[in-house]
């Protein structure tokens, strides 16, 4: 792991952020993990990618995209953490009751999986969320995405019992949470 750099994106790195997102959307389980298709993302203008990257860049408020950069400089993994404030409503229409982080956009290139890189990305994302006062961190995972569910359990996340329907009753996502443990 020492040959990888784990860091927040920089606003000017939108081409790299775009390339990694498109790679993620080509993954065989992308239809279970992401709420957009490769074709939808590919059709977006560069201005979209510039804005998206700047919104999650180092120093941005309320959102941070963290990447893993390989020894050759290639981006090999990413996740984004959004801060959700109490008194607001989340993307699915549920009320947010306490300050929490929401992990989205998790992806590690297939050739890097199993190396411990995903754990390192999660550690960085959790540290960022805890550093902004989050009381818990959550994520949403498709009921059929067993690979992701196994990983989330491995790093301490547990199902909260909240289920999100994605339009039809047979396509559901589950909320997994990790509460902050104070020393």
N, C-alpha and C. Protein backbone atom coordinates (compact mmCIF):
# COMPACT_ATOMS: atom_id res chain seq x y z
N UNK A 1 0.82 -1.20 0.00
CA UNK A 1 0.00 0.00 0.00
C UNK A 1 0.85 1.26 0.00
N UNK A 2 2.09 1.17 0.41
CA UNK A 2 2.90 2.37 0.50
C UNK A 2 3.19 3.00 -0.86
N UNK A 3 2.99 2.25 -1.93
CA UNK A 3 3.25 2.82 -3.26
C UNK A 3 2.04 3.57 -3.82
N UNK A 4 0.93 3.57 -3.10
CA UNK A 4 -0.27 4.28 -3.51
C UNK A 4 -0.39 5.60 -2.77
N UNK A 5 -0.94 6.58 -3.43
CA UNK A 5 -1.23 7.87 -2.80
C UNK A 5 -2.75 7.95 -2.65
N UNK A 6 -3.20 8.16 -1.42
CA UNK A 6 -4.63 8.32 -1.13
C UNK A 6 -4.83 9.80 -0.81
N UNK A 7 -5.71 10.43 -1.58
CA UNK A 7 -5.87 11.88 -1.42
C UNK A 7 -7.20 12.33 -2.01
N UNK A 8 -7.54 13.58 -1.73
CA UNK A 8 -8.72 14.20 -2.33
C UNK A 8 -8.39 14.66 -3.74
N UNK A 9 -9.40 14.67 -4.60
CA UNK A 9 -9.20 15.17 -5.95
C UNK A 9 -8.96 16.67 -5.92
N UNK A 10 -8.41 17.17 -7.00
CA UNK A 10 -8.24 18.61 -7.19
C UNK A 10 -9.15 19.02 -8.35
N UNK A 11 -9.65 20.22 -8.28
CA UNK A 11 -10.64 20.68 -9.26
C UNK A 11 -10.17 20.50 -10.71
N UNK A 12 -8.90 20.75 -10.96
CA UNK A 12 -8.40 20.67 -12.34
C UNK A 12 -8.23 19.24 -12.84
N UNK A 13 -8.47 18.27 -11.99
CA UNK A 13 -8.30 16.86 -12.38
C UNK A 13 -9.59 16.22 -12.92
N UNK A 14 -10.47 17.05 -13.45
CA UNK A 14 -11.74 16.53 -13.95
C UNK A 14 -11.57 15.49 -15.05
N UNK A 15 -10.56 15.57 -15.95
CA UNK A 15 -10.46 14.51 -16.96
C UNK A 15 -10.18 13.13 -16.33
N UNK A 16 -9.35 13.12 -15.28
CA UNK A 16 -9.06 11.86 -14.59
C UNK A 16 -10.30 11.36 -13.85
N UNK A 17 -11.03 12.28 -13.23
CA UNK A 17 -12.26 11.90 -12.51
C UNK A 17 -13.28 11.33 -13.49
N UNK A 18 -13.40 11.96 -14.63
CA UNK A 18 -14.33 11.47 -15.67
C UNK A 18 -13.92 10.08 -16.13
N UNK A 19 -12.66 9.88 -16.42
CA UNK A 19 -12.18 8.57 -16.91
C UNK A 19 -12.45 7.48 -15.89
N UNK A 20 -12.20 7.75 -14.62
CA UNK A 20 -12.41 6.74 -13.59
C UNK A 20 -13.89 6.42 -13.42
N UNK A 21 -14.73 7.44 -13.49
CA UNK A 21 -16.18 7.21 -13.40
C UNK A 21 -16.66 6.36 -14.57
N UNK A 22 -16.19 6.65 -15.77
CA UNK A 22 -16.58 5.86 -16.93
C UNK A 22 -16.09 4.43 -16.80
N UNK A 23 -14.91 4.23 -16.25
CA UNK A 23 -14.41 2.87 -16.01
C UNK A 23 -15.32 2.15 -15.01
N UNK A 24 -15.73 2.85 -13.97
CA UNK A 24 -16.62 2.25 -12.97
C UNK A 24 -17.94 1.83 -13.60
N UNK A 25 -18.44 2.64 -14.51
CA UNK A 25 -19.73 2.35 -15.14
C UNK A 25 -19.65 1.22 -16.16
N UNK A 26 -18.44 0.79 -16.50
CA UNK A 26 -18.26 -0.37 -17.37
C UNK A 26 -18.11 -1.66 -16.58
N UNK A 27 -18.04 -1.56 -15.25
CA UNK A 27 -17.92 -2.74 -14.39
C UNK A 27 -19.16 -3.63 -14.57
N UNK A 28 -19.00 -4.95 -14.52
CA UNK A 28 -20.14 -5.85 -14.70
C UNK A 28 -21.29 -5.66 -13.70
N UNK A 29 -21.02 -5.14 -12.51
CA UNK A 29 -22.11 -4.91 -11.54
C UNK A 29 -22.50 -3.43 -11.44
N UNK A 30 -22.08 -2.64 -12.40
CA UNK A 30 -22.39 -1.20 -12.37
C UNK A 30 -23.89 -0.95 -12.29
N UNK A 31 -24.68 -1.78 -12.94
CA UNK A 31 -26.13 -1.58 -12.90
C UNK A 31 -26.70 -1.75 -11.50
N UNK A 32 -25.97 -2.45 -10.62
CA UNK A 32 -26.39 -2.60 -9.23
C UNK A 32 -25.78 -1.53 -8.32
N UNK A 33 -24.68 -0.95 -8.74
CA UNK A 33 -23.93 -0.07 -7.85
C UNK A 33 -24.10 1.42 -8.12
N UNK A 34 -24.48 1.78 -9.32
CA UNK A 34 -24.54 3.20 -9.67
C UNK A 34 -25.91 3.54 -10.24
N UNK A 35 -26.32 4.76 -10.05
CA UNK A 35 -27.65 5.18 -10.49
C UNK A 35 -27.63 5.85 -11.86
N UNK A 36 -26.61 5.55 -12.66
CA UNK A 36 -26.56 6.03 -14.03
C UNK A 36 -25.83 4.99 -14.87
N UNK A 37 -26.01 5.10 -16.17
CA UNK A 37 -25.36 4.16 -17.08
C UNK A 37 -24.11 4.80 -17.68
N UNK A 38 -23.30 3.97 -18.28
CA UNK A 38 -22.12 4.45 -18.98
C UNK A 38 -22.52 5.44 -20.08
N UNK A 39 -23.55 5.09 -20.83
CA UNK A 39 -24.01 5.95 -21.94
C UNK A 39 -24.49 7.31 -21.43
N UNK A 40 -25.21 7.33 -20.32
CA UNK A 40 -25.66 8.60 -19.75
C UNK A 40 -24.48 9.47 -19.33
N UNK A 41 -23.50 8.86 -18.67
CA UNK A 41 -22.33 9.62 -18.21
C UNK A 41 -21.49 10.10 -19.37
N UNK A 42 -21.31 9.26 -20.37
CA UNK A 42 -20.50 9.62 -21.53
C UNK A 42 -21.09 10.81 -22.28
N UNK A 43 -22.40 10.93 -22.28
CA UNK A 43 -23.09 12.01 -23.00
C UNK A 43 -22.99 13.37 -22.30
N UNK A 44 -22.54 13.39 -21.05
CA UNK A 44 -22.49 14.66 -20.32
C UNK A 44 -21.34 15.53 -20.83
N UNK A 45 -21.56 16.84 -20.89
CA UNK A 45 -20.51 17.74 -21.38
C UNK A 45 -19.36 17.90 -20.37
N UNK A 46 -18.24 18.37 -20.86
CA UNK A 46 -17.09 18.59 -19.99
C UNK A 46 -17.42 19.54 -18.84
N UNK A 47 -18.32 20.49 -19.07
CA UNK A 47 -18.69 21.42 -18.00
C UNK A 47 -19.28 20.67 -16.81
N UNK A 48 -20.04 19.62 -17.07
CA UNK A 48 -20.58 18.79 -15.99
C UNK A 48 -19.45 18.19 -15.18
N UNK A 49 -18.45 17.62 -15.85
CA UNK A 49 -17.34 16.96 -15.16
C UNK A 49 -16.49 17.95 -14.39
N UNK A 50 -16.31 19.14 -14.95
CA UNK A 50 -15.57 20.19 -14.24
C UNK A 50 -16.28 20.56 -12.93
N UNK A 51 -17.59 20.78 -13.03
CA UNK A 51 -18.38 21.16 -11.86
C UNK A 51 -18.42 20.03 -10.83
N UNK A 52 -18.64 18.83 -11.28
CA UNK A 52 -18.71 17.68 -10.38
C UNK A 52 -17.39 17.49 -9.63
N UNK A 53 -16.29 17.58 -10.36
CA UNK A 53 -14.98 17.39 -9.72
C UNK A 53 -14.68 18.52 -8.75
N UNK A 54 -14.96 19.75 -9.13
CA UNK A 54 -14.72 20.89 -8.23
C UNK A 54 -15.56 20.76 -6.96
N UNK A 55 -16.78 20.25 -7.08
CA UNK A 55 -17.66 20.10 -5.92
C UNK A 55 -17.17 19.09 -4.91
N UNK A 56 -16.34 18.14 -5.34
CA UNK A 56 -15.80 17.14 -4.42
C UNK A 56 -14.31 17.26 -4.20
N UNK A 57 -13.75 18.39 -4.64
CA UNK A 57 -12.30 18.58 -4.57
C UNK A 57 -11.84 18.98 -3.18
N UNK A 58 -10.55 18.87 -3.00
CA UNK A 58 -9.89 19.26 -1.77
C UNK A 58 -10.36 20.65 -1.35
N UNK A 59 -10.83 20.76 -0.12
CA UNK A 59 -11.28 22.04 0.41
C UNK A 59 -12.75 22.34 0.16
N UNK A 60 -13.44 21.50 -0.61
CA UNK A 60 -14.87 21.73 -0.87
C UNK A 60 -15.67 21.49 0.41
N UNK A 61 -16.77 22.19 0.54
CA UNK A 61 -17.65 22.04 1.71
C UNK A 61 -18.65 20.92 1.48
N UNK A 62 -18.77 20.03 2.44
CA UNK A 62 -19.86 19.07 2.43
C UNK A 62 -19.71 17.87 1.53
N UNK A 63 -18.63 17.79 0.77
CA UNK A 63 -18.46 16.66 -0.14
C UNK A 63 -16.98 16.50 -0.45
N UNK A 64 -16.53 15.25 -0.48
CA UNK A 64 -15.13 15.01 -0.78
C UNK A 64 -15.00 13.73 -1.59
N UNK A 65 -14.33 13.83 -2.75
CA UNK A 65 -14.00 12.64 -3.52
C UNK A 65 -12.56 12.29 -3.21
N UNK A 66 -12.37 11.06 -2.78
CA UNK A 66 -11.04 10.57 -2.41
C UNK A 66 -10.63 9.54 -3.46
N UNK A 67 -9.39 9.62 -3.89
CA UNK A 67 -8.91 8.69 -4.91
C UNK A 67 -7.65 7.97 -4.42
N UNK A 68 -7.41 6.84 -5.06
CA UNK A 68 -6.16 6.11 -4.88
C UNK A 68 -5.40 6.22 -6.19
N UNK A 69 -4.21 6.74 -6.09
CA UNK A 69 -3.36 6.92 -7.26
C UNK A 69 -2.25 5.87 -7.21
N UNK A 70 -2.13 5.08 -8.27
CA UNK A 70 -1.13 4.03 -8.32
C UNK A 70 0.27 4.57 -8.52
N UNK A 71 1.26 3.69 -8.41
CA UNK A 71 2.66 4.10 -8.56
C UNK A 71 2.97 4.76 -9.90
N UNK A 72 2.19 4.40 -10.93
CA UNK A 72 2.39 4.98 -12.26
C UNK A 72 1.58 6.25 -12.49
N UNK A 73 0.85 6.70 -11.44
CA UNK A 73 0.04 7.90 -11.55
C UNK A 73 -1.40 7.64 -11.97
N UNK A 74 -1.71 6.41 -12.38
CA UNK A 74 -3.09 6.10 -12.78
C UNK A 74 -3.99 6.04 -11.55
N UNK A 75 -5.19 6.58 -11.68
CA UNK A 75 -6.18 6.50 -10.62
C UNK A 75 -6.78 5.10 -10.64
N UNK A 76 -6.70 4.42 -9.51
CA UNK A 76 -7.13 3.01 -9.46
C UNK A 76 -8.33 2.77 -8.55
N UNK A 77 -8.76 3.79 -7.81
CA UNK A 77 -9.91 3.63 -6.95
C UNK A 77 -10.42 4.96 -6.47
N UNK A 78 -11.68 4.96 -6.04
CA UNK A 78 -12.30 6.20 -5.57
C UNK A 78 -13.49 5.91 -4.68
N UNK A 79 -13.83 6.87 -3.88
CA UNK A 79 -15.12 6.94 -3.20
C UNK A 79 -15.37 8.40 -2.88
N UNK A 80 -16.63 8.73 -2.70
CA UNK A 80 -17.02 10.09 -2.36
C UNK A 80 -17.84 10.04 -1.08
N UNK A 81 -17.62 11.02 -0.21
CA UNK A 81 -18.41 11.14 1.02
C UNK A 81 -19.15 12.47 0.98
N UNK A 82 -20.46 12.39 1.19
CA UNK A 82 -21.31 13.57 1.27
C UNK A 82 -21.68 13.78 2.73
N UNK A 83 -21.68 15.00 3.20
CA UNK A 83 -22.16 15.28 4.56
C UNK A 83 -23.63 15.67 4.46
N UNK A 84 -24.46 14.98 5.25
CA UNK A 84 -25.90 15.26 5.30
C UNK A 84 -26.21 15.87 6.66
N UNK A 85 -26.89 17.00 6.62
CA UNK A 85 -27.17 17.76 7.84
C UNK A 85 -28.55 17.41 8.41
N UNK A 86 -28.68 17.39 9.75
CA UNK A 86 -29.99 17.14 10.35
C UNK A 86 -30.99 18.22 9.93
N UNK A 87 -32.24 17.78 9.78
CA UNK A 87 -33.29 18.71 9.37
C UNK A 87 -33.45 18.80 7.86
N UNK A 88 -32.60 18.11 7.11
CA UNK A 88 -32.73 18.09 5.65
C UNK A 88 -33.35 16.76 5.23
N UNK A 89 -33.54 16.61 3.95
CA UNK A 89 -34.06 15.37 3.39
C UNK A 89 -33.00 14.79 2.46
N UNK A 90 -32.81 13.46 2.52
CA UNK A 90 -31.80 12.85 1.66
C UNK A 90 -32.33 12.64 0.24
N UNK A 91 -31.50 12.09 -0.63
CA UNK A 91 -31.84 11.89 -2.04
C UNK A 91 -33.07 11.01 -2.25
N UNK A 92 -33.38 10.15 -1.28
CA UNK A 92 -34.53 9.24 -1.41
C UNK A 92 -35.78 9.79 -0.74
N UNK A 93 -35.69 11.00 -0.15
CA UNK A 93 -36.85 11.60 0.48
C UNK A 93 -36.98 11.33 1.96
N UNK A 94 -35.99 10.64 2.55
CA UNK A 94 -36.03 10.36 3.98
C UNK A 94 -35.46 11.54 4.76
N UNK A 95 -36.04 11.85 5.93
CA UNK A 95 -35.49 12.94 6.75
C UNK A 95 -34.13 12.54 7.33
N UNK A 96 -33.23 13.49 7.38
CA UNK A 96 -31.92 13.28 8.01
C UNK A 96 -32.05 13.75 9.45
N UNK A 97 -31.82 12.85 10.38
CA UNK A 97 -32.05 13.15 11.79
C UNK A 97 -30.81 13.57 12.55
N UNK A 98 -29.63 13.25 12.01
CA UNK A 98 -28.38 13.66 12.66
C UNK A 98 -27.32 13.86 11.60
N UNK A 99 -26.27 14.56 11.96
CA UNK A 99 -25.20 14.80 11.00
C UNK A 99 -24.54 13.47 10.66
N UNK A 100 -24.48 13.22 9.35
CA UNK A 100 -23.93 11.93 8.93
C UNK A 100 -23.20 12.07 7.61
N UNK A 101 -22.28 11.15 7.39
CA UNK A 101 -21.64 11.02 6.10
C UNK A 101 -22.40 10.01 5.27
N UNK A 102 -22.38 10.18 3.97
CA UNK A 102 -23.02 9.25 3.06
C UNK A 102 -21.98 8.89 1.99
N UNK A 103 -21.55 7.63 2.00
CA UNK A 103 -20.55 7.16 1.05
C UNK A 103 -21.24 6.78 -0.25
N UNK A 104 -20.73 7.30 -1.36
CA UNK A 104 -21.26 7.00 -2.69
C UNK A 104 -20.09 6.79 -3.66
N UNK A 105 -20.41 6.23 -4.82
CA UNK A 105 -19.43 6.16 -5.90
C UNK A 105 -18.20 5.33 -5.59
N UNK A 106 -18.35 4.24 -4.85
CA UNK A 106 -17.20 3.39 -4.50
C UNK A 106 -16.81 2.57 -5.72
N UNK A 107 -15.53 2.63 -6.07
CA UNK A 107 -15.03 1.83 -7.19
C UNK A 107 -13.53 1.62 -7.03
N UNK A 108 -13.11 0.38 -7.25
CA UNK A 108 -11.69 0.02 -7.34
C UNK A 108 -11.54 -0.81 -8.60
N UNK A 109 -10.57 -0.48 -9.40
CA UNK A 109 -10.35 -1.23 -10.65
C UNK A 109 -10.18 -2.72 -10.33
N UNK A 110 -10.72 -3.58 -11.18
CA UNK A 110 -10.69 -5.03 -10.90
C UNK A 110 -9.31 -5.57 -10.58
N UNK A 111 -8.29 -5.10 -11.26
CA UNK A 111 -6.94 -5.62 -11.04
C UNK A 111 -6.36 -5.21 -9.68
N UNK A 112 -7.01 -4.27 -8.99
CA UNK A 112 -6.54 -3.82 -7.68
C UNK A 112 -7.36 -4.41 -6.53
N UNK A 113 -8.45 -5.08 -6.86
CA UNK A 113 -9.32 -5.63 -5.81
C UNK A 113 -8.62 -6.74 -5.05
N UNK A 114 -8.91 -6.81 -3.76
CA UNK A 114 -8.30 -7.82 -2.91
C UNK A 114 -6.94 -7.42 -2.36
N UNK A 115 -6.49 -6.22 -2.68
CA UNK A 115 -5.16 -5.76 -2.25
C UNK A 115 -5.20 -4.99 -0.93
N UNK A 116 -6.41 -4.70 -0.44
CA UNK A 116 -6.55 -3.86 0.75
C UNK A 116 -6.78 -2.41 0.42
N UNK A 117 -6.78 -2.07 -0.86
CA UNK A 117 -6.94 -0.69 -1.28
C UNK A 117 -8.31 -0.13 -0.92
N UNK A 118 -9.35 -0.94 -1.04
CA UNK A 118 -10.69 -0.45 -0.71
C UNK A 118 -10.77 -0.08 0.76
N UNK A 119 -10.17 -0.88 1.63
CA UNK A 119 -10.15 -0.57 3.06
C UNK A 119 -9.45 0.75 3.32
N UNK A 120 -8.35 0.99 2.62
CA UNK A 120 -7.60 2.23 2.80
C UNK A 120 -8.45 3.43 2.34
N UNK A 121 -9.16 3.28 1.22
CA UNK A 121 -10.05 4.35 0.78
C UNK A 121 -11.14 4.61 1.80
N UNK A 122 -11.73 3.53 2.35
CA UNK A 122 -12.77 3.70 3.36
C UNK A 122 -12.23 4.37 4.61
N UNK A 123 -11.04 3.99 5.03
CA UNK A 123 -10.43 4.65 6.19
C UNK A 123 -10.31 6.14 5.96
N UNK A 124 -9.86 6.54 4.78
CA UNK A 124 -9.71 7.96 4.47
C UNK A 124 -11.07 8.66 4.44
N UNK A 125 -12.06 8.00 3.85
CA UNK A 125 -13.40 8.59 3.79
C UNK A 125 -14.02 8.75 5.17
N UNK A 126 -13.86 7.72 6.01
CA UNK A 126 -14.38 7.79 7.37
C UNK A 126 -13.68 8.88 8.17
N UNK A 127 -12.38 8.96 8.04
CA UNK A 127 -11.62 10.00 8.75
C UNK A 127 -12.11 11.39 8.34
N UNK A 128 -12.36 11.57 7.05
CA UNK A 128 -12.85 12.86 6.57
C UNK A 128 -14.22 13.17 7.18
N UNK A 129 -15.13 12.18 7.17
CA UNK A 129 -16.48 12.40 7.73
C UNK A 129 -16.43 12.66 9.23
N UNK A 130 -15.66 11.86 9.96
CA UNK A 130 -15.57 12.05 11.42
C UNK A 130 -14.98 13.43 11.71
N UNK A 131 -14.03 13.86 10.90
CA UNK A 131 -13.40 15.17 11.09
C UNK A 131 -14.35 16.34 10.86
N UNK A 132 -15.48 16.08 10.23
CA UNK A 132 -16.49 17.11 10.00
C UNK A 132 -17.68 16.95 10.92
N UNK A 133 -17.51 16.15 11.97
CA UNK A 133 -18.53 16.03 12.99
C UNK A 133 -19.64 15.03 12.72
N UNK A 134 -19.46 14.16 11.73
CA UNK A 134 -20.48 13.15 11.46
C UNK A 134 -20.61 12.20 12.65
N UNK A 135 -21.86 11.90 13.00
CA UNK A 135 -22.12 10.96 14.08
C UNK A 135 -22.18 9.53 13.58
N UNK A 136 -22.45 9.38 12.31
CA UNK A 136 -22.44 8.07 11.68
C UNK A 136 -22.17 8.27 10.19
N UNK A 137 -21.81 7.18 9.55
CA UNK A 137 -21.63 7.17 8.10
C UNK A 137 -22.53 6.06 7.57
N UNK A 138 -23.15 6.35 6.46
CA UNK A 138 -24.05 5.36 5.86
C UNK A 138 -23.74 5.21 4.38
N UNK A 139 -24.31 4.18 3.81
CA UNK A 139 -24.23 3.96 2.38
C UNK A 139 -25.46 3.14 1.99
N UNK A 140 -25.75 3.14 0.73
CA UNK A 140 -26.88 2.40 0.20
C UNK A 140 -26.32 1.36 -0.76
N UNK A 141 -26.79 0.11 -0.61
CA UNK A 141 -26.28 -0.98 -1.45
C UNK A 141 -27.44 -1.80 -1.99
N UNK A 142 -27.36 -2.15 -3.25
CA UNK A 142 -28.41 -2.94 -3.88
C UNK A 142 -28.49 -4.31 -3.23
N UNK A 143 -29.71 -4.79 -3.05
CA UNK A 143 -29.92 -6.08 -2.39
C UNK A 143 -29.22 -7.24 -3.10
N UNK A 144 -28.98 -7.13 -4.40
CA UNK A 144 -28.33 -8.20 -5.16
C UNK A 144 -26.82 -8.04 -5.27
N UNK A 145 -26.26 -6.99 -4.68
CA UNK A 145 -24.82 -6.75 -4.78
C UNK A 145 -24.11 -7.37 -3.58
N UNK A 146 -24.02 -8.69 -3.61
CA UNK A 146 -23.41 -9.43 -2.51
C UNK A 146 -21.95 -9.08 -2.27
N UNK A 147 -21.19 -8.85 -3.35
CA UNK A 147 -19.77 -8.52 -3.20
C UNK A 147 -19.61 -7.27 -2.35
N UNK A 148 -20.39 -6.23 -2.65
CA UNK A 148 -20.30 -4.98 -1.89
C UNK A 148 -20.79 -5.18 -0.46
N UNK A 149 -21.88 -5.90 -0.28
CA UNK A 149 -22.40 -6.13 1.07
C UNK A 149 -21.37 -6.84 1.95
N UNK A 150 -20.70 -7.84 1.40
CA UNK A 150 -19.67 -8.56 2.18
C UNK A 150 -18.56 -7.61 2.60
N UNK A 151 -18.13 -6.76 1.68
CA UNK A 151 -17.07 -5.81 2.02
C UNK A 151 -17.53 -4.84 3.10
N UNK A 152 -18.73 -4.28 2.96
CA UNK A 152 -19.21 -3.29 3.92
C UNK A 152 -19.32 -3.90 5.31
N UNK A 153 -19.77 -5.12 5.39
CA UNK A 153 -19.83 -5.81 6.69
C UNK A 153 -18.42 -6.00 7.26
N UNK A 154 -17.49 -6.36 6.40
CA UNK A 154 -16.11 -6.61 6.81
C UNK A 154 -15.50 -5.37 7.48
N UNK A 155 -15.85 -4.17 6.98
CA UNK A 155 -15.27 -2.95 7.55
C UNK A 155 -16.16 -2.32 8.61
N UNK A 156 -17.18 -3.06 9.08
CA UNK A 156 -17.94 -2.63 10.24
C UNK A 156 -19.33 -2.08 10.01
N UNK A 157 -19.75 -1.91 8.76
CA UNK A 157 -21.09 -1.43 8.48
C UNK A 157 -22.11 -2.54 8.72
N UNK A 158 -23.29 -2.15 9.19
CA UNK A 158 -24.37 -3.12 9.44
C UNK A 158 -25.67 -2.58 8.82
N UNK A 159 -26.56 -3.49 8.42
CA UNK A 159 -27.84 -3.03 7.89
C UNK A 159 -28.63 -2.28 8.96
N UNK A 160 -29.25 -1.17 8.57
CA UNK A 160 -30.02 -0.37 9.53
C UNK A 160 -31.49 -0.79 9.56
N UNK A 161 -31.91 -1.54 8.56
CA UNK A 161 -33.32 -1.89 8.44
C UNK A 161 -34.07 -0.99 7.48
N UNK A 162 -33.43 0.10 7.03
CA UNK A 162 -34.05 1.01 6.07
C UNK A 162 -33.88 0.43 4.67
N UNK A 163 -34.96 0.37 3.93
CA UNK A 163 -34.96 -0.11 2.55
C UNK A 163 -35.44 1.01 1.64
N UNK A 164 -34.77 1.17 0.53
CA UNK A 164 -35.14 2.18 -0.45
C UNK A 164 -35.59 1.46 -1.71
N UNK A 165 -36.77 1.80 -2.19
CA UNK A 165 -37.29 1.23 -3.43
C UNK A 165 -36.85 2.11 -4.58
N UNK A 166 -36.39 1.49 -5.64
CA UNK A 166 -35.90 2.25 -6.79
C UNK A 166 -36.91 2.28 -7.94
N UNK A 167 -38.16 2.33 -7.61
CA UNK A 167 -39.17 2.47 -8.66
C UNK A 167 -40.13 1.32 -8.71
N UNK A 168 -39.62 0.10 -8.68
CA UNK A 168 -40.54 -1.03 -8.61
C UNK A 168 -40.24 -1.82 -7.35
N UNK A 169 -41.20 -2.51 -6.85
CA UNK A 169 -41.07 -3.19 -5.57
C UNK A 169 -40.03 -4.31 -5.56
N UNK A 170 -39.59 -4.73 -6.73
CA UNK A 170 -38.64 -5.83 -6.78
C UNK A 170 -37.20 -5.37 -6.90
N UNK A 171 -36.96 -4.08 -6.93
CA UNK A 171 -35.61 -3.55 -7.06
C UNK A 171 -35.34 -2.64 -5.87
N UNK A 172 -34.67 -3.18 -4.86
CA UNK A 172 -34.49 -2.45 -3.60
C UNK A 172 -33.01 -2.27 -3.26
N UNK A 173 -32.78 -1.23 -2.48
CA UNK A 173 -31.46 -0.95 -1.93
C UNK A 173 -31.59 -0.94 -0.42
N UNK A 174 -30.52 -1.34 0.25
CA UNK A 174 -30.51 -1.38 1.71
C UNK A 174 -29.52 -0.36 2.23
N UNK A 175 -29.90 0.27 3.34
CA UNK A 175 -28.98 1.20 4.01
C UNK A 175 -28.12 0.39 4.99
N UNK A 176 -26.83 0.64 4.92
CA UNK A 176 -25.87 0.10 5.88
C UNK A 176 -25.29 1.30 6.62
N UNK A 177 -25.02 1.16 7.93
CA UNK A 177 -24.51 2.28 8.72
C UNK A 177 -23.33 1.85 9.59
N UNK A 178 -22.54 2.84 9.93
CA UNK A 178 -21.44 2.68 10.88
C UNK A 178 -21.49 3.88 11.80
N UNK A 179 -21.77 3.63 13.08
CA UNK A 179 -21.81 4.71 14.05
C UNK A 179 -20.42 5.06 14.51
N UNK A 180 -20.22 6.34 14.77
CA UNK A 180 -18.92 6.81 15.26
C UNK A 180 -18.71 6.31 16.69
N UNK A 181 -17.56 5.79 16.94
CA UNK A 181 -17.20 5.35 18.27
C UNK A 181 -16.23 6.39 18.83
N UNK A 182 -16.65 7.03 19.90
CA UNK A 182 -15.80 8.06 20.51
C UNK A 182 -14.86 7.40 21.50
N UNK A 183 -13.63 7.88 21.49
CA UNK A 183 -12.61 7.33 22.40
C UNK A 183 -12.85 7.74 23.84
